[in-house]
Amino acid sequence: MELLVKKRIKQVLKGDQNAYGEIVEIYKDKVLQIGYRMLGNLHEAEDIAQEAFIRAFINIHSFKQERKFSTWLYRIATNLCIDRLRKKKPDFYLDAEVAGTDGLTMYSQIAATGKAPDVEVMDYELQETIQFAIQSLPEKYRSVIVLKYLEDLSLNEISQILELPLGTVKTRIHRGREALRKQLRNL
């Protein structure tokens, strides 16, 4: 797939904007997932994903062809998420009631999986607990935990995305896991 992406990048550099649309189609879900996992809000994640693709398009000439495009794009998205987290104070909570509804929360927007209702409720509560625990981590631990365990990226890719030494990434993953373990020890 990386060869296809690099071919499309060359076409974009020659002025073919349709080729960039194919790149967006390939990576849109993954970039949206990164934004959602880091921000915990689908609408903000969509904004971040859109901004990441716009920035990547504008700066595509600075992309180094010998590197993986996905790593470069994920770094853009992660940095945008970190900037968003730094700039804003929490003005919403996932367990807060959605305006105009009778007691529905943002968690109620999660799509059904078709499991039995009791299993679904237990899975939902566990997911809610884990997401809350991840959201409560300091930003530097949250980003490495999301990239490593939720996005399943390698340590080297995380190091490149966050522009951190490999040892720092390992340390942050270890400390982030320990913080999560302390928060989730009663499960």
Protein backbone atom coordinates (compact mmCIF):
# COMPACT_ATOMS: atom_id res chain seq x y z
CA MET A 1 0.00 0.00 0.00
CA GLU A 2 2.89 2.33 0.79
CA LEU A 3 4.06 2.07 -2.84
CA LEU A 4 0.60 3.07 -4.05
CA VAL A 5 0.58 6.03 -1.67
CA LYS A 6 4.02 7.18 -2.82
CA LYS A 7 2.87 6.92 -6.44
CA ARG A 8 -0.18 9.05 -5.60
CA ILE A 9 2.04 11.59 -3.80
CA LYS A 10 4.13 11.97 -6.95
CA GLN A 11 0.93 12.57 -8.91
CA VAL A 12 -0.19 15.19 -6.36
CA LEU A 13 3.18 16.93 -6.65
CA LYS A 14 2.58 17.09 -10.41
CA GLY A 15 -0.77 18.81 -9.80
CA ASP A 16 -3.25 15.91 -9.78
CA GLN A 17 -5.57 16.75 -6.87
CA ASN A 18 -7.71 13.65 -7.45
CA ALA A 19 -4.75 11.49 -6.46
CA TYR A 20 -4.81 13.14 -3.03
CA GLY A 21 -8.44 12.10 -2.66
CA GLU A 22 -7.33 8.48 -2.92
CA ILE A 23 -4.75 9.07 -0.19
CA VAL A 24 -7.46 10.54 2.03
CA GLU A 25 -9.67 7.49 1.44
CA ILE A 26 -6.85 5.17 2.49
CA TYR A 27 -6.05 6.94 5.77
CA LYS A 28 -9.27 8.74 6.79
CA ASP A 29 -10.48 6.10 9.26
CA LYS A 30 -7.13 5.71 11.00
CA VAL A 31 -6.65 9.49 11.37
CA LEU A 32 -10.20 9.83 12.70
CA GLN A 33 -9.51 7.05 15.23
CA ILE A 34 -6.36 8.79 16.46
CA GLY A 35 -8.29 12.02 16.92
CA TYR A 36 -11.17 10.30 18.69
CA ARG A 37 -8.93 8.30 21.00
CA MET A 38 -6.95 11.37 21.99
CA LEU A 39 -9.81 13.85 22.26
CA GLY A 40 -12.75 11.63 23.21
CA ASN A 41 -15.14 13.60 21.00
CA LEU A 42 -16.20 12.52 17.51
CA HIS A 43 -16.90 16.03 16.23
CA GLU A 44 -13.53 17.33 17.36
CA ALA A 45 -11.87 14.23 15.93
CA GLU A 46 -13.52 14.92 12.58
CA ASP A 47 -12.24 18.52 12.69
CA ILE A 48 -8.74 17.29 13.53
CA ALA A 49 -8.81 14.71 10.74
CA GLN A 50 -9.89 17.31 8.22
CA GLU A 51 -7.23 19.74 9.40
CA ALA A 52 -4.56 17.01 9.30
CA PHE A 53 -5.36 16.19 5.68
CA ILE A 54 -5.42 19.86 4.73
CA ARG A 55 -2.04 20.46 6.38
CA ALA A 56 -0.61 17.36 4.78
CA PHE A 57 -1.82 18.52 1.36
CA ILE A 58 -0.45 22.03 1.82
CA ASN A 59 2.91 20.70 3.01
CA ILE A 60 3.14 17.62 0.80
CA HIS A 61 6.19 19.10 -0.92
CA SER A 62 8.07 18.83 2.40
CA PHE A 63 7.32 15.11 2.77
CA LYS A 64 10.47 13.02 2.44
CA GLN A 65 9.77 10.15 0.03
CA GLU A 66 12.10 7.74 1.84
CA ARG A 67 9.85 7.82 4.92
CA LYS A 68 6.43 6.28 5.49
CA PHE A 69 3.62 8.66 4.61
CA SER A 70 1.40 7.20 7.34
CA THR A 71 3.94 8.08 10.03
CA TRP A 72 4.18 11.65 8.74
CA LEU A 73 0.39 12.01 8.55
CA TYR A 74 -0.17 10.48 12.02
CA ARG A 75 2.39 12.89 13.47
CA ILE A 76 0.46 15.81 12.00
CA ALA A 77 -2.82 14.49 13.45
CA THR A 78 -1.27 13.75 16.85
CA ASN A 79 0.31 17.19 17.05
CA LEU A 80 -3.02 18.81 16.18
CA CYS A 81 -4.69 16.81 18.97
CA ILE A 82 -2.01 17.83 21.45
CA ASP A 83 -2.41 21.48 20.43
CA ARG A 84 -6.19 21.22 20.84
CA LEU A 85 -5.80 19.67 24.30
CA ARG A 86 -3.37 22.37 25.39
CA LYS A 87 -5.52 25.24 24.16
CA LYS A 88 -8.80 24.26 25.66
CA LYS A 89 -10.08 23.61 29.07
CA PRO A 90 -12.58 20.80 29.42
CA ASP A 91 -15.89 22.29 28.35
CA PHE A 92 -17.69 19.00 27.95
CA TYR A 93 -17.79 15.64 29.58
CA LEU A 94 -18.69 12.40 27.90
CA ASP A 95 -21.08 11.54 30.68
CA ALA A 96 -22.80 14.94 30.53
CA GLU A 97 -26.35 15.01 29.19
CA VAL A 98 -26.72 15.94 25.51
CA ALA A 99 -28.89 19.05 25.10
CA GLY A 100 -32.39 18.35 23.84
CA THR A 101 -32.46 14.71 24.95
CA ASP A 102 -33.93 12.92 27.91
CA GLY A 103 -30.83 11.88 29.81
CA LEU A 104 -28.73 10.72 26.84
CA THR A 105 -24.99 11.13 27.13
CA MET A 106 -22.28 11.22 24.45
CA TYR A 107 -21.61 7.60 25.34
CA SER A 108 -25.05 6.78 23.98
CA GLN A 109 -23.78 7.73 20.52
CA ILE A 110 -21.60 4.60 20.35
CA ALA A 111 -22.93 2.24 17.70
CA ALA A 112 -24.53 -1.04 18.77
CA THR A 113 -22.52 -4.20 18.18
CA GLY A 114 -25.39 -6.64 18.09
CA LYS A 115 -24.38 -8.44 21.29
CA ALA A 116 -26.78 -9.47 24.01
CA PRO A 117 -27.97 -6.45 26.00
CA ASP A 118 -26.36 -7.52 29.27
CA VAL A 119 -23.02 -8.23 27.59
CA GLU A 120 -23.31 -4.97 25.70
CA VAL A 121 -23.88 -3.04 28.93
CA MET A 122 -20.90 -4.69 30.62
CA ASP A 123 -18.67 -4.04 27.60
CA TYR A 124 -19.92 -0.48 27.45
CA GLU A 125 -19.17 0.17 31.12
CA LEU A 126 -15.70 -1.34 30.77
CA GLN A 127 -15.03 0.70 27.64
CA GLU A 128 -16.28 3.83 29.37
CA THR A 129 -14.03 3.17 32.36
CA ILE A 130 -10.97 2.54 30.22
CA GLN A 131 -11.63 5.56 27.97
CA PHE A 132 -12.09 7.72 31.05
CA ALA A 133 -8.86 6.37 32.51
CA ILE A 134 -7.02 7.11 29.27
CA GLN A 135 -8.54 10.60 29.10
CA SER A 136 -7.39 11.31 32.64
CA LEU A 137 -3.77 10.47 31.86
CA PRO A 138 -1.38 13.38 31.41
CA GLU A 139 -1.11 14.31 27.74
CA LYS A 140 2.43 12.98 27.34
CA TYR A 141 1.37 9.51 28.53
CA ARG A 142 -1.99 9.56 26.77
CA SER A 143 -0.47 10.12 23.34
CA VAL A 144 1.96 7.18 23.59
CA ILE A 145 -0.68 4.86 25.09
CA VAL A 146 -3.16 5.72 22.31
CA LEU A 147 -0.57 5.27 19.57
CA LYS A 148 0.86 2.03 21.01
CA TYR A 149 -2.17 0.14 22.27
CA LEU A 150 -5.13 1.59 20.43
CA GLU A 151 -3.49 2.34 17.08
CA ASP A 152 -1.02 -0.58 17.35
CA LEU A 153 2.00 1.38 16.11
CA SER A 154 5.57 0.28 16.71
CA LEU A 155 7.85 2.04 19.16
CA ASN A 156 9.91 3.40 16.26
CA GLU A 157 6.81 4.81 14.56
CA ILE A 158 5.69 6.44 17.80
CA SER A 159 9.16 7.87 18.24
CA GLN A 160 9.00 9.38 14.75
CA ILE A 161 5.44 10.66 15.10
CA LEU A 162 6.08 12.39 18.44
CA GLU A 163 9.68 13.30 17.54
CA LEU A 164 10.94 11.79 20.79
CA PRO A 165 13.92 9.53 21.47
CA LEU A 166 13.04 5.82 21.59
CA GLY A 167 14.04 5.62 25.27
CA THR A 168 11.64 8.44 26.15
CA VAL A 169 8.81 6.66 24.32
CA LYS A 170 9.52 3.43 26.22
CA THR A 171 9.61 5.29 29.54
CA ARG A 172 6.34 7.11 28.83
CA ILE A 173 4.62 3.88 27.79
CA HIS A 174 5.81 2.20 30.99
CA ARG A 175 4.69 5.10 33.18
CA GLY A 176 1.41 5.45 31.30
CA ARG A 177 0.68 1.73 31.80
CA GLU A 178 1.50 2.03 35.49
CA ALA A 179 -0.84 5.02 35.83
CA LEU A 180 -3.60 3.09 34.01
CA ARG A 181 -2.96 0.02 36.16
CA LYS A 182 -3.42 2.11 39.32
CA GLN A 183 -6.65 3.62 38.00
CA LEU A 184 -8.05 0.31 36.80
CA ARG A 185 -6.82 -2.02 39.57
CA ASN A 186 -10.35 -2.52 40.94
CA LEU A 187 -11.69 -4.06 37.71
